Amino acid sequence: MVSPQSRLTVNTDHFLSEGRLSPADAAVALIVVDGTRYLMQLRDQKAGIFYPGHWGLFGGAVDEGETPEDALTRELTEELQLTIDSTRYFTEFTFDFGFAGHRRVYRRYFEVPVASAALKSVVLGEGADMRTFSASEILSMPRVVPYDAFAIWLHATASQARRAG
């Protein structure tokens, strides 16, 4: 795998390079590897997606008639060829895009525990790279999708509190 400072050419114009965006409800995986690391995707550098060229979590849009759980299963199959055994709802963020003529959308996060041995069979089907990181590494990196970083911070601090309590 490539380092966080990947060979990807990065556009530093954070506000104009995305092109036309279509906010949608999303299901997202906090893929927790061996209980301590998070599997992240380096998002493609292309128009039409939020935060191109940033490290983010795997997942995607919930299609009409689909449950968030079904969307997560579909997305992880498409993006990683990963079949998941279990998920657990973790949290949800809501974004109001009314200012741009769109509706309110949610980004629902699920914890997906995975053993490191299972990563040997994953195939990156979307994105420029993938890698596991500790929460500390993620939170100190400059180009991480901010709401995914916040979800990881919440997850990591909740995990620490459970272990301490």
Protein backbone atom coordinates (compact mmCIF):
# COMPACT_ATOMS: atom_id res chain seq x y z
CA MET A 1 0.00 0.00 0.00
CA VAL A 2 1.07 3.57 -0.65
CA SER A 3 1.93 5.98 2.15
CA PRO A 4 -0.54 8.67 3.28
CA GLN A 5 1.53 11.07 1.17
CA SER A 6 0.53 9.02 -1.88
CA ARG A 7 1.78 9.68 -5.38
CA LEU A 8 -1.70 10.98 -6.22
CA THR A 9 -1.56 14.49 -7.67
CA VAL A 10 -3.58 16.60 -5.27
CA ASN A 11 -5.56 19.66 -6.24
CA THR A 12 -5.47 22.10 -3.31
CA ASP A 13 -8.51 24.09 -4.48
CA HIS A 14 -10.95 22.73 -1.90
CA PHE A 15 -13.94 24.76 -3.05
CA LEU A 16 -14.12 24.76 -6.83
CA SER A 17 -12.79 21.42 -8.08
CA GLU A 18 -15.66 19.16 -7.03
CA GLY A 19 -17.99 20.22 -9.83
CA ARG A 20 -21.73 19.76 -9.48
CA LEU A 21 -22.52 17.78 -6.33
CA SER A 22 -25.68 15.82 -5.54
CA PRO A 23 -26.11 15.28 -1.80
CA ALA A 24 -27.72 11.95 -0.91
CA ASP A 25 -28.34 9.78 2.12
CA ALA A 26 -25.31 7.59 2.78
CA ALA A 27 -24.32 4.45 4.67
CA VAL A 28 -20.73 4.40 5.85
CA ALA A 29 -18.50 1.71 7.37
CA LEU A 30 -16.20 2.26 10.30
CA ILE A 31 -14.15 -0.80 9.30
CA VAL A 32 -12.32 -1.59 12.52
CA VAL A 33 -9.38 -3.91 11.90
CA ASP A 34 -8.40 -6.08 14.87
CA GLY A 35 -10.19 -3.64 17.16
CA THR A 36 -7.63 -0.84 16.88
CA ARG A 37 -7.16 0.38 13.29
CA TYR A 38 -9.49 1.84 10.67
CA LEU A 39 -9.49 0.92 6.98
CA MET A 40 -9.60 4.10 4.90
CA GLN A 41 -9.91 4.89 1.21
CA LEU A 42 -7.99 7.60 -0.62
CA ARG A 43 -10.80 9.16 -2.63
CA ASP A 44 -10.27 9.64 -6.34
CA GLN A 45 -9.24 13.08 -7.57
CA LYS A 46 -12.28 13.68 -9.77
CA ALA A 47 -15.18 16.05 -10.13
CA GLY A 48 -18.63 15.15 -8.84
CA ILE A 49 -17.61 13.72 -5.45
CA PHE A 50 -17.28 15.31 -2.05
CA TYR A 51 -13.68 15.73 -0.85
CA PRO A 52 -11.70 14.37 -3.80
CA GLY A 53 -8.13 13.44 -2.94
CA HIS A 54 -8.93 12.99 0.76
CA TRP A 55 -8.79 9.91 2.96
CA GLY A 56 -12.31 8.79 3.91
CA LEU A 57 -14.34 5.83 5.05
CA PHE A 58 -15.87 3.31 2.67
CA GLY A 59 -19.58 3.48 1.86
CA GLY A 60 -21.92 5.43 -0.34
CA ALA A 61 -25.38 6.53 -1.35
CA VAL A 62 -28.50 4.75 -0.21
CA ASP A 63 -30.53 3.99 -3.34
CA GLU A 64 -34.30 4.48 -3.44
CA GLY A 65 -36.08 1.58 -1.73
CA GLU A 66 -32.86 0.38 -0.08
CA THR A 67 -32.22 0.25 3.65
CA PRO A 68 -28.97 1.79 4.92
CA GLU A 69 -27.81 -1.70 5.94
CA ASP A 70 -28.47 -3.05 2.44
CA ALA A 71 -26.68 -0.05 0.92
CA LEU A 72 -23.66 -0.66 3.14
CA THR A 73 -23.50 -4.32 2.14
CA ARG A 74 -23.75 -3.37 -1.55
CA GLU A 75 -21.16 -0.60 -1.30
CA LEU A 76 -18.60 -2.77 0.51
CA THR A 77 -19.05 -5.47 -2.12
CA GLU A 78 -18.61 -2.94 -4.95
CA GLU A 79 -15.72 -1.03 -3.38
CA LEU A 80 -13.78 -3.86 -1.74
CA GLN A 81 -15.35 -7.19 -2.70
CA LEU A 82 -15.78 -7.52 1.06
CA THR A 83 -18.56 -9.67 2.46
CA ILE A 84 -19.42 -8.53 5.96
CA ASP A 85 -20.53 -10.81 8.76
CA SER A 86 -21.85 -8.21 11.14
CA THR A 87 -22.50 -4.51 11.50
CA ARG A 88 -23.57 -2.39 14.42
CA TYR A 89 -25.20 1.02 14.14
CA PHE A 90 -22.84 3.62 15.59
CA THR A 91 -24.05 7.16 14.85
CA GLU A 92 -25.66 9.41 12.27
CA PHE A 93 -24.97 12.95 11.10
CA THR A 94 -27.59 15.08 9.36
CA PHE A 95 -26.75 17.78 6.82
CA ASP A 96 -29.26 20.39 5.68
CA PHE A 97 -28.59 21.36 2.05
CA GLY A 98 -31.65 23.64 1.85
CA PHE A 99 -29.35 26.62 1.21
CA ALA A 100 -28.41 24.99 -2.12
CA GLY A 101 -31.90 23.89 -3.11
CA HIS A 102 -31.47 20.32 -1.88
CA ARG A 103 -33.07 18.41 0.97
CA ARG A 104 -31.73 17.30 4.33
CA VAL A 105 -29.61 14.12 4.09
CA TYR A 106 -28.11 11.74 6.60
CA ARG A 107 -24.75 9.99 6.80
CA ARG A 108 -25.25 6.83 8.89
CA TYR A 109 -22.17 5.12 10.34
CA PHE A 110 -21.93 1.42 11.13
CA GLU A 111 -19.14 -0.37 12.97
CA VAL A 112 -17.82 -3.27 10.88
CA PRO A 113 -15.30 -5.43 12.75
CA VAL A 114 -12.77 -7.18 10.48
CA ALA A 115 -9.74 -9.33 11.22
CA SER A 116 -6.51 -8.24 9.52
CA ALA A 117 -6.34 -11.64 7.78
CA ALA A 118 -9.57 -10.77 5.91
CA LEU A 119 -7.85 -7.76 4.30
CA LYS A 120 -5.71 -10.10 2.20
CA SER A 121 -8.76 -10.90 0.07
CA VAL A 122 -10.11 -7.38 -0.43
CA VAL A 123 -9.78 -5.78 -3.86
CA LEU A 124 -9.93 -2.01 -4.15
CA GLY A 125 -12.68 -1.30 -6.69
CA GLU A 126 -13.07 2.42 -6.07
CA GLY A 127 -10.58 5.05 -4.96
CA ALA A 128 -6.87 5.63 -5.48
CA ASP A 129 -5.58 3.66 -2.48
CA MET A 130 -6.54 2.04 0.82
CA ARG A 131 -4.70 1.66 4.09
CA THR A 132 -5.27 1.05 7.78
CA PHE A 133 -4.55 3.81 10.29
CA SER A 134 -4.81 4.28 14.02
CA ALA A 135 -7.25 6.94 15.17
CA SER A 136 -4.31 9.13 16.21
CA GLU A 137 -2.77 8.89 12.74
CA ILE A 138 -6.07 9.79 11.05
CA LEU A 139 -6.72 12.74 13.31
CA SER A 140 -3.28 14.22 12.65
CA MET A 141 -3.45 13.91 8.84
CA PRO A 142 -4.20 17.07 6.81
CA ARG A 143 -6.46 15.59 4.11
CA VAL A 144 -9.20 13.54 5.77
CA VAL A 145 -12.93 13.93 5.10
CA PRO A 146 -13.89 16.04 8.15
CA TYR A 147 -17.14 14.31 9.08
CA ASP A 148 -15.46 10.89 8.77
CA ALA A 149 -12.64 12.14 11.03
CA PHE A 150 -15.25 13.23 13.57
CA ALA A 151 -16.99 9.83 13.43
CA ILE A 152 -13.62 8.12 13.98
CA TRP A 153 -12.87 10.42 16.91
CA LEU A 154 -16.28 9.59 18.45
CA HIS A 155 -15.72 5.87 17.89
CA ALA A 156 -12.17 5.85 19.24
CA THR A 157 -13.08 7.84 22.37
CA ALA A 158 -16.15 5.67 23.00
CA SER A 159 -13.98 2.55 22.66
CA GLN A 160 -11.44 3.96 25.12
CA ALA A 161 -14.19 4.82 27.59
CA ARG A 162 -15.61 1.28 27.35
CA ARG A 163 -12.17 -0.26 27.95
CA ALA A 164 -11.49 2.05 30.93
CA GLY A 165 -14.92 1.63 32.49
